Amino acid sequence: MPSTRIKCEAQEFLNFDFTNTSKLKKTIKDNNLIIILGNTIANEMDMEEYLTNLRKDTPKNTNLLIGIELIKDASVLEINSIIEEYNCKENKSLTVSPINFLEVLPSVGKLKIVYNNELSRIEERFIFIKPTYINIENRKLRFNKDDYLLLSITNKPNLKSFLRITKNSGWIMIVKRNIKNQYLMLLQKEKEE
């Protein structure tokens, strides 16, 4: 019976700056599998731009395995269920940590988690309930009542829009698996001319 030998080298990127994909050229070699699980790709502001840069900055025989949660039909029930996942104490504590560094008192606002239908994403906002000044590097920024700081986003595309994003960014779909809208997709770089 024939056997296949696979050389596997795992690299940890604990301190790697994934916002600058060009650094990958120096780090990875030919015939790679890059794995992005846990819905991490959805935290990118512009997934298409990120995937395009990732494709440009990796060797030609690179495959990409992505795990992502997709919205099925953006029904109120589905959206409320997703928002509820973000409403836990641990997530709220993590989300407001940037404003704690700015020494913003919790009493001047409230955390609100919303689904932005136009952009298909969850947004975590700190909404000011009264006029407030924040000092940042000797500058006073004024926020009025109902102004907000966008603290985090998580994209929640549907399958059709995510497939468009991957195609537009130059990746070819090889395998797609769906378990309750938790997708696992294996993508391959388009052949370079």
C-alpha atoms as a PDB file:
ATOM      1  CA  MET A   1       0.000   0.000   0.000  1.00  0.00           C
ATOM      2  CA  PRO A   2       1.526   3.365  -1.016  1.00  0.00           C
ATOM      3  CA  SER A   3       2.091   5.914   1.676  1.00  0.00           C
ATOM      4  CA  THR A   4       2.380   9.666   1.640  1.00  0.00           C
ATOM      5  CA  ARG A   5       5.026  11.463   3.641  1.00  0.00           C
ATOM      6  CA  ILE A   6       4.267  14.931   4.855  1.00  0.00           C
ATOM      7  CA  LYS A   7       6.881  17.156   6.388  1.00  0.00           C
ATOM      8  CA  CYS A   8       5.181  19.364   8.923  1.00  0.00           C
ATOM      9  CA  GLU A   9       6.704  22.376  10.562  1.00  0.00           C
ATOM     10  CA  ALA A  10       4.479  24.297  12.934  1.00  0.00           C
ATOM     11  CA  GLN A  11       5.368  27.857  13.684  1.00  0.00           C
ATOM     12  CA  GLU A  12       3.895  29.918  16.441  1.00  0.00           C
ATOM     13  CA  PHE A  13       3.207  33.509  15.579  1.00  0.00           C
ATOM     14  CA  LEU A  14       2.564  34.766  19.092  1.00  0.00           C
ATOM     15  CA  ASN A  15       4.262  38.093  18.410  1.00  0.00           C
ATOM     16  CA  PHE A  16       3.618  38.226  14.671  1.00  0.00           C
ATOM     17  CA  ASP A  17       1.990  41.339  13.223  1.00  0.00           C
ATOM     18  CA  PHE A  18      -0.730  39.880  11.002  1.00  0.00           C
ATOM     19  CA  THR A  19      -1.734  43.359   9.844  1.00  0.00           C
ATOM     20  CA  ASN A  20       1.456  43.431   7.769  1.00  0.00           C
ATOM     21  CA  THR A  21       1.277  40.282   5.648  1.00  0.00           C
ATOM     22  CA  SER A  22       4.428  41.182   3.689  1.00  0.00           C
ATOM     23  CA  LYS A  23       6.461  39.930   6.672  1.00  0.00           C
ATOM     24  CA  LEU A  24       5.202  36.425   5.838  1.00  0.00           C
ATOM     25  CA  LYS A  25       7.570  36.194   2.845  1.00  0.00           C
ATOM     26  CA  LYS A  26      10.509  36.108   5.246  1.00  0.00           C
ATOM     27  CA  THR A  27       8.831  33.622   7.583  1.00  0.00           C
ATOM     28  CA  ILE A  28       7.205  30.895   5.488  1.00  0.00           C
ATOM     29  CA  LYS A  29       8.515  28.759   2.675  1.00  0.00           C
ATOM     30  CA  ASP A  30       6.979  26.970  -0.316  1.00  0.00           C
ATOM     31  CA  ASN A  31       4.059  24.480  -0.043  1.00  0.00           C
ATOM     32  CA  ASN A  32       2.327  25.952   2.977  1.00  0.00           C
ATOM     33  CA  LEU A  33      -0.961  25.592   4.734  1.00  0.00           C
ATOM     34  CA  ILE A  34      -1.942  28.713   6.648  1.00  0.00           C
ATOM     35  CA  ILE A  35      -4.707  28.078   9.175  1.00  0.00           C
ATOM     36  CA  ILE A  36      -6.994  30.871  10.378  1.00  0.00           C
ATOM     37  CA  LEU A  37      -9.580  29.361  12.717  1.00  0.00           C
ATOM     38  CA  GLY A  38     -11.903  30.633  15.410  1.00  0.00           C
ATOM     39  CA  ASN A  39     -13.548  33.265  13.220  1.00  0.00           C
ATOM     40  CA  THR A  40     -10.335  35.348  13.429  1.00  0.00           C
ATOM     41  CA  ILE A  41     -10.584  36.490   9.798  1.00  0.00           C
ATOM     42  CA  ALA A  42     -13.911  38.160  10.619  1.00  0.00           C
ATOM     43  CA  ASN A  43     -12.135  40.622  12.917  1.00  0.00           C
ATOM     44  CA  GLU A  44     -10.405  42.275   9.966  1.00  0.00           C
ATOM     45  CA  MET A  45     -11.905  45.640   8.968  1.00  0.00           C
ATOM     46  CA  ASP A  46     -11.617  44.734   5.277  1.00  0.00           C
ATOM     47  CA  MET A  47     -11.446  40.969   4.795  1.00  0.00           C
ATOM     48  CA  GLU A  48     -11.046  41.230   1.020  1.00  0.00           C
ATOM     49  CA  GLU A  49      -8.043  43.544   1.286  1.00  0.00           C
ATOM     50  CA  TYR A  50      -6.488  41.331   3.959  1.00  0.00           C
ATOM     51  CA  LEU A  51      -6.945  38.149   1.900  1.00  0.00           C
ATOM     52  CA  THR A  52      -5.613  39.907  -1.214  1.00  0.00           C
ATOM     53  CA  ASN A  53      -2.479  41.000   0.647  1.00  0.00           C
ATOM     54  CA  LEU A  54      -2.088  37.540   2.169  1.00  0.00           C
ATOM     55  CA  ARG A  55      -2.270  35.974  -1.312  1.00  0.00           C
ATOM     56  CA  LYS A  56       0.260  38.451  -2.727  1.00  0.00           C
ATOM     57  CA  ASP A  57       2.654  37.966   0.165  1.00  0.00           C
ATOM     58  CA  THR A  58       2.813  34.166   0.263  1.00  0.00           C
ATOM     59  CA  PRO A  59       4.633  31.668  -1.977  1.00  0.00           C
ATOM     60  CA  LYS A  60       2.827  30.209  -4.973  1.00  0.00           C
ATOM     61  CA  ASN A  61       1.995  26.815  -3.456  1.00  0.00           C
ATOM     62  CA  THR A  62       0.125  28.188  -0.464  1.00  0.00           C
ATOM     63  CA  ASN A  63      -3.199  26.886   0.800  1.00  0.00           C
ATOM     64  CA  LEU A  64      -5.402  28.626   3.330  1.00  0.00           C
ATOM     65  CA  LEU A  65      -7.752  26.914   5.777  1.00  0.00           C
ATOM     66  CA  ILE A  66     -10.344  29.312   7.217  1.00  0.00           C
ATOM     67  CA  GLY A  67     -12.882  28.710   9.959  1.00  0.00           C
ATOM     68  CA  ILE A  68     -15.650  31.306   9.990  1.00  0.00           C
ATOM     69  CA  GLU A  69     -19.184  31.774  11.306  1.00  0.00           C
ATOM     70  CA  LEU A  70     -21.515  32.969   8.577  1.00  0.00           C
ATOM     71  CA  ILE A  71     -24.938  34.554   8.826  1.00  0.00           C
ATOM     72  CA  LYS A  72     -27.610  32.409   7.222  1.00  0.00           C
ATOM     73  CA  ASP A  73     -30.458  34.858   6.663  1.00  0.00           C
ATOM     74  CA  ALA A  74     -29.857  37.784   9.068  1.00  0.00           C
ATOM     75  CA  SER A  75     -33.172  37.144  10.789  1.00  0.00           C
ATOM     76  CA  VAL A  76     -33.860  38.969  14.039  1.00  0.00           C
ATOM     77  CA  LEU A  77     -33.687  35.668  15.933  1.00  0.00           C
ATOM     78  CA  GLU A  78     -30.312  34.764  14.407  1.00  0.00           C
ATOM     79  CA  ILE A  79     -28.848  38.240  15.038  1.00  0.00           C
ATOM     80  CA  ASN A  80     -30.132  38.356  18.630  1.00  0.00           C
ATOM     81  CA  SER A  81     -28.594  34.939  19.262  1.00  0.00           C
ATOM     82  CA  ILE A  82     -25.200  36.144  18.022  1.00  0.00           C
ATOM     83  CA  ILE A  83     -25.399  39.409  20.002  1.00  0.00           C
ATOM     84  CA  GLU A  84     -26.226  37.411  23.128  1.00  0.00           C
ATOM     85  CA  GLU A  85     -22.914  35.560  22.736  1.00  0.00           C
ATOM     86  CA  TYR A  86     -21.117  38.928  22.985  1.00  0.00           C
ATOM     87  CA  ASN A  87     -23.055  39.981  26.103  1.00  0.00           C
ATOM     88  CA  CYS A  88     -21.042  37.902  28.553  1.00  0.00           C
ATOM     89  CA  LYS A  89     -19.129  39.558  31.394  1.00  0.00           C
ATOM     90  CA  GLU A  90     -15.708  38.454  30.092  1.00  0.00           C
ATOM     91  CA  ASN A  91     -16.267  39.897  26.620  1.00  0.00           C
ATOM     92  CA  LYS A  92     -17.593  43.179  27.977  1.00  0.00           C
ATOM     93  CA  SER A  93     -14.570  43.535  30.242  1.00  0.00           C
ATOM     94  CA  LEU A  94     -12.209  42.907  27.324  1.00  0.00           C
ATOM     95  CA  THR A  95     -14.107  45.267  25.017  1.00  0.00           C
ATOM     96  CA  VAL A  96     -14.023  48.266  27.360  1.00  0.00           C
ATOM     97  CA  SER A  97     -10.332  47.873  28.263  1.00  0.00           C
ATOM     98  CA  PRO A  98      -9.208  50.444  25.620  1.00  0.00           C
ATOM     99  CA  ILE A  99     -11.377  53.167  27.170  1.00  0.00           C
ATOM    100  CA  ASN A 100     -10.056  52.265  30.605  1.00  0.00           C
ATOM    101  CA  PHE A 101      -6.568  53.155  29.320  1.00  0.00           C
ATOM    102  CA  LEU A 102      -7.967  56.541  28.290  1.00  0.00           C
ATOM    103  CA  GLU A 103      -9.268  56.969  31.831  1.00  0.00           C
ATOM    104  CA  VAL A 104     -12.858  57.329  30.672  1.00  0.00           C
ATOM    105  CA  LEU A 105     -15.207  56.811  33.575  1.00  0.00           C
ATOM    106  CA  PRO A 106     -17.824  54.090  33.024  1.00  0.00           C
ATOM    107  CA  SER A 107     -20.453  56.531  34.327  1.00  0.00           C
ATOM    108  CA  VAL A 108     -20.189  58.740  31.196  1.00  0.00           C
ATOM    109  CA  GLY A 109     -21.444  56.056  28.843  1.00  0.00           C
ATOM    110  CA  LYS A 110     -22.653  52.547  28.246  1.00  0.00           C
ATOM    111  CA  LEU A 111     -21.515  49.605  26.155  1.00  0.00           C
ATOM    112  CA  LYS A 112     -23.956  48.639  23.416  1.00  0.00           C
ATOM    113  CA  ILE A 113     -23.609  45.666  21.090  1.00  0.00           C
ATOM    114  CA  VAL A 114     -25.441  46.038  17.781  1.00  0.00           C
ATOM    115  CA  TYR A 115     -25.680  44.399  14.391  1.00  0.00           C
ATOM    116  CA  ASN A 116     -24.874  46.822  11.568  1.00  0.00           C
ATOM    117  CA  ASN A 117     -27.055  45.433   8.778  1.00  0.00           C
ATOM    118  CA  GLU A 118     -25.539  47.676   6.104  1.00  0.00           C
ATOM    119  CA  LEU A 119     -22.005  46.420   6.795  1.00  0.00           C
ATOM    120  CA  SER A 120     -23.008  42.891   7.945  1.00  0.00           C
ATOM    121  CA  ARG A 121     -21.088  43.062  11.187  1.00  0.00           C
ATOM    122  CA  ILE A 122     -21.385  43.085  14.956  1.00  0.00           C
ATOM    123  CA  GLU A 123     -20.234  46.384  16.460  1.00  0.00           C
ATOM    124  CA  GLU A 124     -19.358  46.990  20.084  1.00  0.00           C
ATOM    125  CA  ARG A 125     -19.867  50.673  20.828  1.00  0.00           C
ATOM    126  CA  PHE A 126     -19.266  52.817  23.898  1.00  0.00           C
ATOM    127  CA  ILE A 127     -22.103  55.364  23.695  1.00  0.00           C
ATOM    128  CA  PHE A 128     -21.743  58.584  25.652  1.00  0.00           C
ATOM    129  CA  ILE A 129     -24.756  59.451  27.792  1.00  0.00           C
ATOM    130  CA  LYS A 130     -23.533  63.005  28.449  1.00  0.00           C
ATOM    131  CA  PRO A 131     -20.997  65.411  26.923  1.00  0.00           C
ATOM    132  CA  THR A 132     -17.489  64.243  27.749  1.00  0.00           C
ATOM    133  CA  TYR A 133     -13.904  65.279  27.061  1.00  0.00           C
ATOM    134  CA  ILE A 134     -11.129  62.750  26.580  1.00  0.00           C
ATOM    135  CA  ASN A 135      -7.479  63.814  26.774  1.00  0.00           C
ATOM    136  CA  ILE A 136      -5.245  62.109  24.233  1.00  0.00           C
ATOM    137  CA  GLU A 137      -1.646  63.319  23.985  1.00  0.00           C
ATOM    138  CA  ASN A 138      -2.365  66.890  25.085  1.00  0.00           C
ATOM    139  CA  ARG A 139      -5.479  67.135  22.911  1.00  0.00           C
ATOM    140  CA  LYS A 140      -8.998  67.360  24.264  1.00  0.00           C
ATOM    141  CA  LEU A 141     -11.564  65.487  22.226  1.00  0.00           C
ATOM    142  CA  ARG A 142     -15.187  66.354  22.853  1.00  0.00           C
ATOM    143  CA  PHE A 143     -17.914  63.747  22.618  1.00  0.00           C
ATOM    144  CA  ASN A 144     -21.554  64.775  22.774  1.00  0.00           C
ATOM    145  CA  LYS A 145     -24.439  62.775  24.144  1.00  0.00           C
ATOM    146  CA  ASP A 146     -25.128  59.796  21.810  1.00  0.00           C
ATOM    147  CA  ASP A 147     -21.680  60.011  20.129  1.00  0.00           C
ATOM    148  CA  TYR A 148     -19.867  56.718  20.363  1.00  0.00           C
ATOM    149  CA  LEU A 149     -16.481  55.051  20.173  1.00  0.00           C
ATOM    150  CA  LEU A 150     -16.411  51.960  17.977  1.00  0.00           C
ATOM    151  CA  LEU A 151     -14.437  49.532  20.140  1.00  0.00           C
ATOM    152  CA  SER A 152     -14.588  46.374  18.038  1.00  0.00           C
ATOM    153  CA  ILE A 153     -16.131  44.836  14.962  1.00  0.00           C
ATOM    154  CA  THR A 154     -16.727  41.272  13.864  1.00  0.00           C
ATOM    155  CA  ASN A 155     -17.799  40.773  10.275  1.00  0.00           C
ATOM    156  CA  LYS A 156     -20.710  38.395   9.807  1.00  0.00           C
ATOM    157  CA  PRO A 157     -21.020  37.844   6.059  1.00  0.00           C
ATOM    158  CA  ASN A 158     -23.323  35.320   4.468  1.00  0.00           C
ATOM    159  CA  LEU A 159     -21.938  32.473   2.365  1.00  0.00           C
ATOM    160  CA  LYS A 160     -22.516  34.259  -0.951  1.00  0.00           C
ATOM    161  CA  SER A 161     -20.715  37.434   0.111  1.00  0.00           C
ATOM    162  CA  PHE A 162     -17.799  35.518   1.689  1.00  0.00           C
ATOM    163  CA  LEU A 163     -17.327  33.448  -1.476  1.00  0.00           C
ATOM    164  CA  ARG A 164     -17.282  36.727  -3.444  1.00  0.00           C
ATOM    165  CA  ILE A 165     -14.652  38.115  -1.053  1.00  0.00           C
ATOM    166  CA  THR A 166     -12.414  35.065  -1.450  1.00  0.00           C
ATOM    167  CA  LYS A 167     -12.782  35.048  -5.244  1.00  0.00           C
ATOM    168  CA  ASN A 168     -12.131  38.801  -5.545  1.00  0.00           C
ATOM    169  CA  SER A 169      -9.016  38.425  -3.411  1.00  0.00           C
ATOM    170  CA  GLY A 170      -7.594  35.770  -5.754  1.00  0.00           C
ATOM    171  CA  TRP A 171      -8.206  32.551  -3.835  1.00  0.00           C
ATOM    172  CA  ILE A 172      -9.869  29.458  -5.343  1.00  0.00           C
ATOM    173  CA  MET A 173     -12.304  27.390  -3.271  1.00  0.00           C
ATOM    174  CA  ILE A 174     -11.158  23.770  -3.009  1.00  0.00           C
ATOM    175  CA  VAL A 175     -13.273  22.371  -0.171  1.00  0.00           C
ATOM    176  CA  LYS A 176     -16.190  23.790   1.818  1.00  0.00           C
ATOM    177  CA  ARG A 177     -17.792  22.177   4.887  1.00  0.00           C
ATOM    178  CA  ASN A 178     -20.777  23.485   6.829  1.00  0.00           C
ATOM    179  CA  ILE A 179     -21.837  22.513  10.317  1.00  0.00           C
ATOM    180  CA  LYS A 180     -24.614  24.820  11.586  1.00  0.00           C
ATOM    181  CA  ASN A 181     -23.205  27.863   9.734  1.00  0.00           C
ATOM    182  CA  GLN A 182     -19.730  27.187  11.132  1.00  0.00           C
ATOM    183  CA  TYR A 183     -17.827  26.943   7.874  1.00  0.00           C
ATOM    184  CA  LEU A 184     -14.452  25.412   7.255  1.00  0.00           C
ATOM    185  CA  MET A 185     -13.024  26.337   3.849  1.00  0.00           C
ATOM    186  CA  LEU A 186      -9.850  25.264   2.133  1.00  0.00           C
ATOM    187  CA  LEU A 187      -8.633  27.812  -0.389  1.00  0.00           C
ATOM    188  CA  GLN A 188      -5.766  27.735  -2.825  1.00  0.00           C
ATOM    189  CA  LYS A 189      -3.906  30.582  -4.498  1.00  0.00           C
ATOM    190  CA  GLU A 190      -4.829  31.188  -8.106  1.00  0.00           C
ATOM    191  CA  LYS A 191      -2.064  30.185 -10.484  1.00  0.00           C
ATOM    192  CA  GLU A 192       0.173  33.181 -11.063  1.00  0.00           C
ATOM    193  CA  GLU A 193       0.837  34.110 -14.643  1.00  0.00           C
END
